[in-house]
Amino acid sequence: MKKLHFPRASIGAYLIAIALAIALPILAFVALLLFQLENNERDVLKRDAVQDAQALGRTIDRQLQDMATTLRLLSSSPELEHNDITTFFYRTETVLRTDSLFVLLFEKDGQMRLNTRWPLSRPLGKTGNMGALQSALNSGRIEASDVFVGSNIHRWVYNVTLPLDHSPAGAALAMTQDADDLAKLVTTDALAPGWSAAVIDSSGHIVAASGPANLSPGDPFNKDILPKLIASSGVYQDERILPHSLLGYAQIPGWSWKAVVWGPVASAQASLMSTWRFLIYGGVTLLLVALIAVYALARQVRTTIRSVAVMAERMGRGEIVSPVETSVIEANLVAIALSNASFDRSETEDRLHFVMHELVHRTKNLLALAQAMTRQLARQTDSVDTFQRAVADRLEGLARSIEVLTSEQWSGVSLRRVIDIHLATFLQAPQQLDINGQDFVLKPEAVQNLGLVLHELATNSVKYGALSAPEGKIAIEWTNVEGDIGPMIQFTWTESGGPRVKKPTLTGFGTTVTKAHAASAFGGNVEIDFRPEGLVWVLNALRSTMERERERT
């Protein structure tokens, strides 16, 4: 297999290449997802455009159906059957009670016999849209006319015409409305900014419209688009005719009109465009931040390598060198290896120095602990004898921890063994203690601190709690939990079967050890619940403060 050769370059260049190799594929993948999202958004936009057109069509259909229903009711009135135009006129005015809808009565030749828009006595001419009247008479069913200019009012109007079969009053009954009044039903409130809506008649003229397109009744709709709107509903898109725009349309069922909505795609996909801008700006920013971080990291690594190189040079000159502390774990390992190699020539002196250092360190810890303990007890005891007994009792517990640590060469002791050693002298029977938890090795500091706490808990239990009664029991349990700053251990001491517990009014050395000292020593917190049935003591400790680090193999 041919070995891959990389060019010679600084570690900074390689780190920058690594950063780019990681960041660019991620950004490309996100861009691909956004492309897919854009396609999905476009499909949703097309569906929404059709649904908006259909919703507009249903609104117009309800208006036309209401007009048709009113015409059917009026056509069956006895006044028309008896050709009583005057009574029919006043009755119709009462029924409509509106200033936007008016009833007309036509002869076959288009002559109007009645128009509720005008007084009954006013002379009326012929209809301004004879073609619509003739079409309704020929089909024998209700039809909506194209928009046209009324012959008497000289405004754009439309008619809904109902043919009358063998009526002595006339050939057809119609209801008319100004196109501007119908436009009140055509709104763009539910559409994206920049979108328009319109109703188109069978001849391709605007009946009513609203929106930024500023179309008025009677205006012709785009003649390049109309021939393409042949389905009952659908979407029209042509970059040449409607650049960067989309049109949804729907045929109004039962009528010759169409409802259309159209507008720019960008405004309907504003959130997606914002996401694209965020990706571009955010991606460039992240790349710059990454490159700056990589540059800083490269400088740090370069400094680390130079520090290790200086160690190697000193070692080559026969000097004894100590390992440098760097932020790179591998460099630290190399530094340690170099240091060990230089110290091989003086192994005995190094071992002696190590032993003396450990002795001083352990002695300081023990003296500090004993000093704090005696100082606290001195403040809380009222006689020398009591002070001596209290000190002797605590030193005995501390001695147990030191003894077991010494037997293990201060390398740590298992948690179960620490519990057994400190509670053995307090138990009247083995059945009084129940231990539950996965065992692990404690750090030397944790052995001393936890031993001191267990000794205090056991002492208090013998004096006031469960161990003061033959049937009393102690349950010790620990579990692993996740904390905000790292893995934690929840260590619980639960007493039961003893005398009824009352919360103490004063705090002594035992409370200080079991609460403040325990929380501080293990980087966590302590909760003490003086339940009537037995004390519950809970320590939430950082696992790193308790468990000895496992040796690497």
Protein backbone atom coordinates (compact mmCIF):
# COMPACT_ATOMS: atom_id res chain seq x y z
CA MET A 1 0.00 0.00 0.00
CA LYS A 2 1.41 3.35 -1.07
CA LYS A 3 2.13 5.65 1.82
CA LEU A 4 0.40 9.02 1.74
CA HIS A 5 2.84 11.94 1.88
CA PHE A 6 1.71 15.31 3.22
CA PRO A 7 3.56 18.51 2.32
CA ARG A 8 5.89 20.08 4.83
CA ALA A 9 4.07 22.88 6.64
CA SER A 10 3.78 24.48 10.03
CA ILE A 11 1.45 23.04 12.63
CA GLY A 12 -0.64 26.21 12.30
CA ALA A 13 -1.25 25.49 8.62
CA TYR A 14 -2.28 21.92 9.42
CA LEU A 15 -4.65 23.09 12.17
CA ILE A 16 -6.26 25.61 9.80
CA ALA A 17 -6.65 22.86 7.21
CA ILE A 18 -8.30 20.65 9.84
CA ALA A 19 -10.68 23.45 10.81
CA LEU A 20 -11.64 24.02 7.17
CA ALA A 21 -12.00 20.29 6.56
CA ILE A 22 -14.48 20.10 9.44
CA ALA A 23 -16.37 23.38 8.95
CA LEU A 24 -16.82 23.43 5.18
CA PRO A 25 -18.55 20.01 4.87
CA ILE A 26 -20.87 20.95 7.74
CA LEU A 27 -21.76 24.25 6.08
CA ALA A 28 -22.23 22.49 2.75
CA PHE A 29 -24.54 19.95 4.38
CA VAL A 30 -26.56 22.72 6.03
CA ALA A 31 -26.80 24.51 2.67
CA LEU A 32 -28.04 21.27 1.09
CA LEU A 33 -30.68 20.97 3.79
CA LEU A 34 -31.74 24.55 3.16
CA PHE A 35 -32.01 23.84 -0.58
CA GLN A 36 -34.28 20.93 0.27
CA LEU A 37 -36.22 23.12 2.69
CA GLU A 38 -36.58 25.77 -0.01
CA ASN A 39 -38.04 23.19 -2.39
CA ASN A 40 -40.45 22.03 0.29
CA GLU A 41 -41.38 25.63 1.08
CA ARG A 42 -42.05 26.25 -2.60
CA ASP A 43 -44.39 23.24 -2.72
CA VAL A 44 -46.15 24.52 0.38
CA LEU A 45 -46.42 27.99 -1.18
CA LYS A 46 -48.02 26.52 -4.31
CA ARG A 47 -50.51 24.58 -2.20
CA ASP A 48 -51.29 27.67 -0.12
CA ALA A 49 -51.78 29.80 -3.24
CA VAL A 50 -54.36 27.34 -4.58
CA GLN A 51 -56.08 27.14 -1.20
CA ASP A 52 -56.19 30.95 -0.92
CA ALA A 53 -57.75 31.16 -4.41
CA GLN A 54 -60.27 28.48 -3.46
CA ALA A 55 -61.12 30.35 -0.25
CA LEU A 56 -61.70 33.54 -2.24
CA GLY A 57 -63.83 31.54 -4.70
CA ARG A 58 -65.95 30.18 -1.85
CA THR A 59 -66.52 33.72 -0.54
CA ILE A 60 -67.68 34.96 -3.96
CA ASP A 61 -69.73 31.81 -4.47
CA ARG A 62 -71.62 32.48 -1.22
CA GLN A 63 -72.43 35.99 -2.42
CA LEU A 64 -73.68 34.75 -5.80
CA GLN A 65 -75.63 31.90 -4.19
CA ASP A 66 -77.29 34.35 -1.78
CA MET A 67 -78.31 36.51 -4.73
CA ALA A 68 -79.60 33.47 -6.61
CA THR A 69 -81.62 32.31 -3.60
CA THR A 70 -83.16 35.76 -3.24
CA LEU A 71 -84.10 35.74 -6.94
CA ARG A 72 -85.78 32.36 -6.63
CA LEU A 73 -87.83 33.57 -3.67
CA LEU A 74 -88.84 36.73 -5.50
CA SER A 75 -89.71 34.83 -8.70
CA SER A 76 -92.40 32.89 -6.85
CA SER A 77 -94.14 35.99 -5.50
CA PRO A 78 -97.86 36.30 -6.39
CA GLU A 79 -97.31 39.89 -7.54
CA LEU A 80 -95.28 38.68 -10.54
CA GLU A 81 -97.89 36.07 -11.37
CA HIS A 82 -100.54 38.81 -11.44
CA ASN A 83 -98.28 41.33 -13.18
CA ASP A 84 -98.59 43.70 -10.23
CA ILE A 85 -95.34 45.56 -10.74
CA THR A 86 -96.05 48.32 -8.25
CA THR A 87 -96.70 46.00 -5.31
CA PHE A 88 -93.76 43.83 -6.32
CA PHE A 89 -91.50 46.91 -6.38
CA TYR A 90 -92.31 47.98 -2.83
CA ARG A 91 -92.22 44.42 -1.52
CA THR A 92 -88.80 43.90 -3.08
CA GLU A 93 -87.44 47.08 -1.52
CA THR A 94 -88.63 45.83 1.87
CA VAL A 95 -87.02 42.41 1.37
CA LEU A 96 -83.63 43.72 0.25
CA ARG A 97 -83.14 46.48 2.81
CA THR A 98 -79.70 47.21 1.35
CA ASP A 99 -78.07 49.94 -0.69
CA SER A 100 -75.76 47.59 -2.62
CA LEU A 101 -78.14 45.01 -4.17
CA PHE A 102 -80.94 45.93 -6.57
CA VAL A 103 -83.57 43.92 -8.47
CA LEU A 104 -84.32 44.31 -12.18
CA LEU A 105 -87.14 42.93 -14.33
CA PHE A 106 -86.49 42.50 -18.08
CA GLU A 107 -88.50 41.89 -21.20
CA LYS A 108 -87.06 39.54 -23.84
CA ASP A 109 -85.74 42.46 -25.83
CA GLY A 110 -83.79 43.76 -22.80
CA GLN A 111 -86.22 46.50 -21.89
CA MET A 112 -86.30 47.04 -18.13
CA ARG A 113 -89.71 47.13 -16.51
CA LEU A 114 -88.36 47.63 -12.99
CA ASN A 115 -85.12 48.65 -11.30
CA THR A 116 -85.18 49.10 -7.51
CA ARG A 117 -82.16 51.37 -7.79
CA TRP A 118 -84.48 54.06 -9.20
CA PRO A 119 -87.98 55.27 -8.30
CA LEU A 120 -90.82 53.35 -9.94
CA SER A 121 -91.91 56.37 -11.91
CA ARG A 122 -88.57 56.92 -13.60
CA PRO A 123 -88.35 55.90 -17.28
CA LEU A 124 -85.94 52.98 -17.79
CA GLY A 125 -84.00 51.97 -20.86
CA LYS A 126 -82.63 48.66 -22.02
CA THR A 127 -79.99 46.56 -20.29
CA GLY A 128 -76.35 47.45 -20.86
CA ASN A 129 -75.43 43.75 -21.30
CA MET A 130 -77.88 42.18 -23.72
CA GLY A 131 -75.54 39.24 -24.27
CA ALA A 132 -75.72 38.14 -20.62
CA LEU A 133 -79.54 38.34 -20.67
CA GLN A 134 -79.78 36.35 -23.87
CA SER A 135 -77.36 33.71 -22.56
CA ALA A 136 -79.46 33.18 -19.42
CA LEU A 137 -82.68 32.98 -21.46
CA ASN A 138 -81.11 30.43 -23.81
CA SER A 139 -79.67 28.25 -21.02
CA GLY A 140 -82.77 28.46 -18.83
CA ARG A 141 -80.71 28.66 -15.64
CA ILE A 142 -79.28 31.31 -13.33
CA GLU A 143 -76.11 32.90 -14.68
CA ALA A 144 -73.69 35.60 -13.53
CA SER A 145 -72.87 38.12 -16.24
CA ASP A 146 -69.52 39.55 -17.15
CA VAL A 147 -68.73 42.92 -15.64
CA PHE A 148 -70.16 45.82 -17.71
CA VAL A 149 -71.02 49.52 -17.45
CA GLY A 150 -74.65 49.99 -16.36
CA SER A 151 -76.78 51.84 -18.90
CA ASN A 152 -78.40 54.05 -16.30
CA ILE A 153 -75.80 54.35 -13.55
CA HIS A 154 -72.70 54.43 -15.79
CA ARG A 155 -70.61 52.41 -13.32
CA TRP A 156 -69.15 48.93 -13.55
CA VAL A 157 -71.73 46.41 -12.40
CA TYR A 158 -72.59 42.74 -12.81
CA ASN A 159 -75.92 40.90 -12.90
CA VAL A 160 -77.13 37.56 -11.63
CA THR A 161 -80.02 36.67 -13.97
CA LEU A 162 -82.86 34.19 -13.40
CA PRO A 163 -85.07 33.34 -16.46
CA LEU A 164 -88.83 33.45 -15.74
CA ASP A 165 -90.94 30.71 -17.31
CA HIS A 166 -94.14 32.06 -18.88
CA SER A 167 -94.42 34.95 -16.43
CA PRO A 168 -96.74 37.76 -17.51
CA ALA A 169 -94.49 40.25 -15.75
CA GLY A 170 -91.39 39.70 -17.87
CA ALA A 171 -88.81 37.31 -19.32
CA ALA A 172 -86.14 37.45 -16.62
CA LEU A 173 -85.52 38.64 -13.10
CA ALA A 174 -82.03 39.87 -12.22
CA MET A 175 -80.12 41.18 -9.26
CA THR A 176 -77.35 43.71 -9.84
CA GLN A 177 -74.48 45.00 -7.71
CA ASP A 178 -71.73 47.52 -8.24
CA ALA A 179 -68.37 45.86 -8.81
CA ASP A 180 -66.85 48.17 -6.17
CA ASP A 181 -69.24 46.75 -3.55
CA LEU A 182 -68.22 43.20 -4.45
CA ALA A 183 -64.58 44.25 -4.08
CA LYS A 184 -65.15 44.57 -0.33
CA LEU A 185 -65.22 40.76 -0.21
CA VAL A 186 -61.89 40.50 -2.03
CA THR A 187 -59.22 41.07 0.64
CA THR A 188 -55.52 40.31 0.92
CA ASP A 189 -55.37 40.23 4.72
CA ALA A 190 -54.48 36.52 4.80
CA LEU A 191 -51.92 36.79 1.98
CA ALA A 192 -48.21 37.52 2.15
CA PRO A 193 -47.05 41.15 1.77
CA GLY A 194 -47.05 42.24 -1.89
CA TRP A 195 -49.71 39.72 -2.98
CA SER A 196 -52.90 40.64 -4.87
CA ALA A 197 -56.27 38.94 -5.33
CA ALA A 198 -58.94 39.28 -8.01
CA VAL A 199 -62.14 37.82 -9.46
CA ILE A 200 -62.13 37.41 -13.25
CA ASP A 201 -65.24 37.02 -15.44
CA SER A 202 -65.59 34.70 -18.41
CA SER A 203 -64.29 37.34 -20.83
CA GLY A 204 -61.08 37.83 -18.85
CA HIS A 205 -61.96 41.16 -17.26
CA ILE A 206 -61.59 42.11 -13.62
CA VAL A 207 -64.84 41.98 -11.65
CA ALA A 208 -63.25 42.94 -8.34
CA ALA A 209 -59.65 43.11 -7.09
CA SER A 210 -57.44 44.26 -4.25
CA GLY A 211 -53.74 44.45 -3.52
CA PRO A 212 -50.70 46.27 -4.90
CA ALA A 213 -51.53 45.28 -8.51
CA ASN A 214 -54.08 48.18 -8.46
CA LEU A 215 -56.50 46.55 -10.89
CA SER A 216 -59.96 48.05 -11.28
CA PRO A 217 -63.29 46.56 -12.45
CA GLY A 218 -63.34 46.19 -16.22
CA ASP A 219 -59.53 46.05 -16.58
CA PRO A 220 -58.40 43.14 -18.76
CA PHE A 221 -56.37 40.50 -16.97
CA ASN A 222 -53.07 39.41 -18.51
CA LYS A 223 -53.99 37.76 -21.83
CA ASP A 224 -50.83 35.63 -21.77
CA ILE A 225 -51.91 34.02 -18.50
CA LEU A 226 -55.67 33.47 -19.02
CA PRO A 227 -55.39 30.68 -21.65
CA LYS A 228 -53.21 28.67 -19.26
CA LEU A 229 -55.79 28.63 -16.44
CA ILE A 230 -57.74 25.68 -17.82
CA ALA A 231 -58.02 23.34 -14.81
CA SER A 232 -60.55 23.71 -12.02
CA SER A 233 -57.69 24.91 -9.81
CA GLY A 234 -53.93 25.05 -9.99
CA VAL A 235 -50.75 27.09 -10.06
CA TYR A 236 -49.27 29.20 -12.85
CA GLN A 237 -45.61 30.12 -12.92
CA ASP A 238 -43.63 31.64 -15.79
CA GLU A 239 -40.47 33.65 -15.15
CA ARG A 240 -40.92 35.54 -18.42
CA ILE A 241 -44.48 36.71 -17.74
CA LEU A 242 -44.48 36.70 -13.92
CA PRO A 243 -40.81 37.06 -12.94
CA HIS A 244 -40.06 35.70 -9.45
CA SER A 245 -43.80 35.41 -8.82
CA LEU A 246 -46.48 32.74 -8.40
CA LEU A 247 -50.20 32.66 -9.25
CA GLY A 248 -52.83 30.38 -7.77
CA TYR A 249 -56.29 30.11 -9.32
CA ALA A 250 -59.59 28.33 -8.78
CA GLN A 251 -62.75 28.13 -10.84
CA ILE A 252 -65.81 29.23 -8.82
CA PRO A 253 -68.05 26.12 -8.96
CA GLY A 254 -71.29 26.60 -10.86
CA TRP A 255 -70.29 30.00 -12.25
CA SER A 256 -68.19 31.32 -15.12
CA TRP A 257 -65.86 33.35 -12.90
CA LYS A 258 -62.38 32.53 -11.59
CA ALA A 259 -60.63 33.57 -8.37
CA VAL A 260 -56.89 34.28 -8.58
CA VAL A 261 -54.16 35.28 -6.11
CA TRP A 262 -50.60 36.17 -7.11
CA GLY A 263 -47.50 37.82 -5.81
CA PRO A 264 -43.72 37.59 -5.35
CA VAL A 265 -42.29 34.31 -4.08
CA ALA A 266 -39.69 36.14 -1.99
CA SER A 267 -42.22 37.85 0.28
CA ALA A 268 -44.00 34.55 0.93
CA GLN A 269 -40.68 32.91 1.76
CA ALA A 270 -39.24 35.78 3.80
CA SER A 271 -38.39 33.51 6.73
CA LEU A 272 -36.46 31.17 4.44
CA MET A 273 -34.56 34.08 2.90
CA SER A 274 -33.75 35.27 6.40
CA THR A 275 -32.44 31.79 7.18
CA TRP A 276 -30.26 31.89 4.05
CA ARG A 277 -28.83 35.26 5.08
CA PHE A 278 -28.25 33.94 8.58
CA LEU A 279 -26.43 30.92 7.14
CA ILE A 280 -24.19 33.04 4.95
CA TYR A 281 -23.36 35.67 7.55
CA GLY A 282 -23.23 33.13 10.37
CA GLY A 283 -21.10 30.72 8.35
CA VAL A 284 -18.57 33.41 7.43
CA THR A 285 -18.49 34.60 11.03
CA LEU A 286 -18.01 31.08 12.36
CA LEU A 287 -15.22 30.43 9.88
CA LEU A 288 -13.46 33.63 10.95
CA VAL A 289 -13.89 32.75 14.62
CA ALA A 290 -12.64 29.22 13.93
CA LEU A 291 -9.60 30.50 12.08
CA ILE A 292 -8.81 32.96 14.87
CA ALA A 293 -9.20 30.18 17.44
CA VAL A 294 -7.02 27.87 15.36
CA TYR A 295 -4.37 30.56 15.06
CA ALA A 296 -4.36 31.03 18.84
CA LEU A 297 -4.26 27.26 19.31
CA ALA A 298 -1.41 26.95 16.83
CA ARG A 299 0.61 29.50 18.78
CA GLN A 300 -0.06 27.60 21.99
CA VAL A 301 0.97 24.28 20.45
CA ARG A 302 4.06 25.85 18.90
CA THR A 303 5.04 27.23 22.31
CA THR A 304 4.46 23.80 23.85
CA ILE A 305 6.64 22.05 21.28
CA ARG A 306 9.40 24.58 21.78
CA SER A 307 9.25 24.05 25.55
CA VAL A 308 9.62 20.30 25.07
CA ALA A 309 12.47 20.91 22.60
CA VAL A 310 14.29 23.02 25.19
CA MET A 311 13.93 20.12 27.66
CA ALA A 312 15.44 17.75 25.11
CA GLU A 313 18.37 20.12 24.53
CA ARG A 314 19.05 20.40 28.28
CA MET A 315 18.83 16.65 28.62
CA GLY A 316 21.35 16.28 25.79
CA ARG A 317 23.76 18.44 27.78
CA GLY A 318 23.47 16.05 30.72
CA GLU A 319 21.23 18.18 32.91
CA ILE A 320 18.44 16.82 35.08
CA VAL A 321 15.20 18.38 33.86
CA SER A 322 11.70 18.55 35.31
CA PRO A 323 8.64 18.14 33.05
CA VAL A 324 7.09 21.35 31.81
CA GLU A 325 3.35 21.83 32.33
CA THR A 326 1.55 22.54 29.05
CA SER A 327 -2.04 22.56 27.85
CA VAL A 328 -1.40 19.59 25.52
CA ILE A 329 -1.77 16.21 27.19
CA GLU A 330 0.45 14.40 24.70
CA ALA A 331 3.18 17.03 25.10
CA ASN A 332 2.94 16.57 28.85
CA LEU A 333 3.46 12.83 28.37
CA VAL A 334 6.55 13.49 26.24
CA ALA A 335 7.84 15.95 28.84
CA ILE A 336 7.29 13.39 31.59
CA ALA A 337 9.11 10.74 29.55
CA LEU A 338 12.05 13.09 29.03
CA SER A 339 12.07 13.98 32.70
CA ASN A 340 12.03 10.31 33.71
CA ALA A 341 14.91 9.59 31.39
CA SER A 342 16.99 12.40 32.89
CA PHE A 343 16.18 11.27 36.41
CA ASP A 344 17.22 7.65 35.80
CA ARG A 345 20.79 8.61 36.73
CA SER A 346 19.71 9.84 40.14
CA GLU A 347 16.84 7.49 40.92
CA THR A 348 17.71 7.10 44.60
CA GLU A 349 17.86 10.85 45.25
CA ASP A 350 14.62 11.36 43.34
CA ARG A 351 12.81 8.65 45.33
CA LEU A 352 14.06 10.12 48.60
CA HIS A 353 12.88 13.60 47.53
CA PHE A 354 9.49 12.18 46.64
CA VAL A 355 9.13 10.38 49.96
CA MET A 356 10.12 13.49 51.91
CA HIS A 357 7.72 15.63 49.92
CA GLU A 358 4.87 13.19 50.54
CA LEU A 359 5.71 13.02 54.23
CA VAL A 360 5.61 16.81 54.55
CA HIS A 361 2.37 16.98 52.57
CA ARG A 362 0.61 14.29 54.63
CA THR A 363 1.89 15.75 57.87
CA LYS A 364 0.60 19.19 56.96
CA ASN A 365 -2.80 17.78 56.09
CA LEU A 366 -3.03 15.78 59.31
CA LEU A 367 -1.84 18.69 61.46
CA ALA A 368 -4.25 21.08 59.78
CA LEU A 369 -7.12 18.65 60.27
CA ALA A 370 -6.22 17.99 63.89
CA GLN A 371 -5.75 21.70 64.54
CA ALA A 372 -9.18 22.55 63.09
CA MET A 373 -10.80 19.71 65.02
CA THR A 374 -9.27 20.69 68.39
CA ARG A 375 -10.04 24.36 67.83
CA GLN A 376 -13.69 23.59 67.08
CA LEU A 377 -14.01 21.21 70.04
CA ALA A 378 -12.37 23.70 72.36
CA ARG A 379 -15.08 26.25 71.53
CA GLN A 380 -17.89 23.75 72.13
CA THR A 381 -16.81 21.92 75.30
CA ASP A 382 -17.16 23.27 78.81
CA SER A 383 -14.53 21.17 80.62
CA VAL A 384 -11.07 19.77 80.11
CA ASP A 385 -12.27 16.18 80.61
CA THR A 386 -14.99 16.56 78.01
CA PHE A 387 -12.48 18.17 75.66
CA GLN A 388 -9.97 15.34 76.17
CA ARG A 389 -12.61 12.66 75.55
CA ALA A 390 -13.90 14.40 72.47
CA VAL A 391 -10.40 14.88 71.05
CA ALA A 392 -9.38 11.32 71.84
CA ASP A 393 -12.55 9.96 70.27
CA ARG A 394 -12.02 11.95 67.00
CA LEU A 395 -8.31 11.15 66.89
CA GLU A 396 -9.17 7.48 67.24
CA GLY A 397 -11.42 7.70 64.18
CA LEU A 398 -8.73 9.63 62.29
CA ALA A 399 -6.17 7.04 63.34
CA ARG A 400 -8.27 4.27 61.77
CA SER A 401 -8.20 6.11 58.43
CA ILE A 402 -4.43 6.68 58.65
CA GLU A 403 -3.84 3.07 59.61
CA VAL A 404 -5.75 1.67 56.67
CA LEU A 405 -4.12 4.19 54.31
CA THR A 406 -0.69 3.22 55.55
CA SER A 407 -1.47 -0.45 54.93
CA GLU A 408 -2.26 0.51 51.34
CA GLN A 409 0.82 2.75 51.03
CA TRP A 410 -1.42 5.83 50.78
CA SER A 411 -2.70 4.73 47.41
CA GLY A 412 -6.37 4.76 48.39
CA VAL A 413 -8.90 2.44 50.08
CA SER A 414 -12.17 0.94 48.87
CA LEU A 415 -15.33 2.70 50.05
CA ARG A 416 -16.85 -0.45 51.61
CA ARG A 417 -13.69 -1.08 53.63
CA VAL A 418 -13.73 2.48 54.98
CA ILE A 419 -17.36 2.04 56.06
CA ASP A 420 -16.66 -1.32 57.72
CA ILE A 421 -13.61 -0.01 59.61
CA HIS A 422 -15.35 3.07 61.02
CA LEU A 423 -18.68 1.45 61.92
CA ALA A 424 -17.46 -1.90 63.25
CA THR A 425 -17.01 -0.68 66.84
CA PHE A 426 -20.41 1.02 66.92
CA LEU A 427 -22.61 -1.88 65.75
CA GLN A 428 -24.21 -4.25 68.24
CA ALA A 429 -24.88 -6.78 65.45
CA PRO A 430 -23.94 -7.01 61.72
CA GLN A 431 -27.65 -6.93 60.83
CA GLN A 432 -27.79 -3.30 61.92
CA LEU A 433 -25.87 -2.16 58.81
CA ASP A 434 -27.12 -2.41 55.20
CA ILE A 435 -24.70 -1.26 52.45
CA ASN A 436 -25.81 -0.82 48.83
CA GLY A 437 -23.67 0.58 46.04
CA GLN A 438 -20.96 -0.28 43.51
CA ASP A 439 -17.63 -0.26 45.32
CA PHE A 440 -14.73 1.92 44.17
CA VAL A 441 -11.37 3.14 45.52
CA LEU A 442 -11.30 6.43 47.46
CA LYS A 443 -8.54 8.99 47.28
CA PRO A 444 -6.35 9.28 50.40
CA GLU A 445 -7.85 12.70 51.23
CA ALA A 446 -11.35 11.27 50.74
CA VAL A 447 -10.53 8.37 53.11
CA GLN A 448 -9.65 10.83 55.89
CA ASN A 449 -12.54 13.22 55.30
CA LEU A 450 -15.22 10.56 54.80
CA GLY A 451 -13.88 8.59 57.77
CA LEU A 452 -14.21 11.66 59.97
CA VAL A 453 -17.80 12.18 58.78
CA LEU A 454 -18.77 8.51 59.26
CA HIS A 455 -17.28 8.55 62.73
CA GLU A 456 -19.39 11.62 63.66
CA LEU A 457 -22.58 10.13 62.17
CA ALA A 458 -22.01 6.85 64.04
CA THR A 459 -21.22 8.65 67.30
CA ASN A 460 -24.40 10.72 67.05
CA SER A 461 -26.41 7.62 66.16
CA VAL A 462 -25.14 5.76 69.23
CA LYS A 463 -25.98 8.72 71.47
CA TYR A 464 -29.33 9.81 70.03
CA GLY A 465 -30.27 7.76 66.96
CA ALA A 466 -30.83 4.27 65.60
CA LEU A 467 -27.69 2.66 67.09
CA SER A 468 -28.91 3.57 70.55
CA ALA A 469 -31.57 0.83 70.23
CA PRO A 470 -30.99 -2.92 69.56
CA GLU A 471 -33.57 -2.92 66.75
CA GLY A 472 -32.15 0.21 65.11
CA LYS A 473 -30.63 0.00 61.62
CA ILE A 474 -28.33 2.05 59.42
CA ALA A 475 -28.72 1.95 55.60
CA ILE A 476 -25.87 3.36 53.53
CA GLU A 477 -26.35 3.76 49.79
CA TRP A 478 -24.55 5.60 47.03
CA THR A 479 -25.46 6.13 43.36
CA ASN A 480 -24.01 7.94 40.39
CA VAL A 481 -25.89 11.05 39.23
CA GLU A 482 -25.22 13.72 36.64
CA GLY A 483 -24.55 17.23 37.93
CA ASP A 484 -24.20 20.64 36.29
CA ILE A 485 -20.41 20.67 36.75
CA GLY A 486 -19.65 16.98 36.23
CA PRO A 487 -20.41 13.44 37.43
CA MET A 488 -21.63 13.34 41.01
CA ILE A 489 -22.08 10.70 43.73
CA GLN A 490 -25.12 10.82 45.97
CA PHE A 491 -24.16 9.23 49.30
CA THR A 492 -27.08 8.60 51.68
CA TRP A 493 -27.06 7.64 55.38
CA THR A 494 -30.55 6.59 56.57
CA GLU A 495 -31.44 5.64 60.15
CA SER A 496 -34.54 3.68 61.20
CA GLY A 497 -35.84 1.74 64.21
CA GLY A 498 -34.42 4.12 66.80
CA PRO A 499 -36.05 6.61 69.16
CA ARG A 500 -38.15 9.42 67.74
CA VAL A 501 -35.91 12.12 66.27
CA LYS A 502 -36.14 15.80 67.13
CA LYS A 503 -34.29 18.55 65.32
CA PRO A 504 -31.52 19.90 67.60
CA THR A 505 -31.72 23.52 68.66
CA LEU A 506 -27.93 23.93 68.86
CA THR A 507 -25.23 22.96 66.35
CA GLY A 508 -22.02 21.41 67.58
CA PHE A 509 -18.81 20.04 66.18
CA GLY A 510 -20.64 16.98 64.79
CA THR A 511 -22.96 19.16 62.69
CA THR A 512 -19.99 21.19 61.45
CA VAL A 513 -18.17 18.04 60.35
CA THR A 514 -21.19 16.30 58.81
CA LYS A 515 -22.41 19.38 56.97
CA ALA A 516 -19.94 22.21 56.37
CA HIS A 517 -16.73 20.14 56.35
CA ALA A 518 -18.27 17.37 54.20
CA ALA A 519 -19.67 19.84 51.65
CA SER A 520 -16.36 21.72 51.41
CA ALA A 521 -14.15 18.61 51.29
CA PHE A 522 -16.13 16.96 48.49
CA GLY A 523 -17.07 20.01 46.42
CA GLY A 524 -20.83 19.50 46.81
CA ASN A 525 -23.63 19.98 49.27
CA VAL A 526 -25.16 18.19 52.25
CA GLU A 527 -28.84 17.80 53.11
CA ILE A 528 -29.89 16.72 56.61
CA ASP A 529 -33.49 15.70 57.26
CA PHE A 530 -34.42 15.11 60.93
CA ARG A 531 -37.34 12.83 60.17
CA PRO A 532 -39.25 11.55 63.23
CA GLU A 533 -38.62 7.96 62.19
CA GLY A 534 -34.88 8.45 61.71
CA LEU A 535 -32.15 10.83 60.52
CA VAL A 536 -31.45 11.03 56.76
CA TRP A 537 -28.09 12.52 55.76
CA VAL A 538 -27.41 13.01 52.03
CA LEU A 539 -24.07 14.08 50.52
CA ASN A 540 -23.99 15.17 46.88
CA ALA A 541 -20.27 15.10 46.05
CA LEU A 542 -18.19 15.52 42.94
CA ARG A 543 -17.00 12.07 41.96
CA SER A 544 -13.59 13.50 41.16
CA THR A 545 -13.13 14.51 44.83
CA MET A 546 -13.80 10.96 46.03
CA GLU A 547 -12.66 8.39 43.49
CA ARG A 548 -8.99 7.68 42.93
CA GLU A 549 -8.02 8.04 39.30
CA ARG A 550 -7.64 4.66 37.64
CA GLU A 551 -4.14 3.74 36.60
CA ARG A 552 -3.50 3.62 32.88
CA THR A 553 -2.36 0.29 31.50
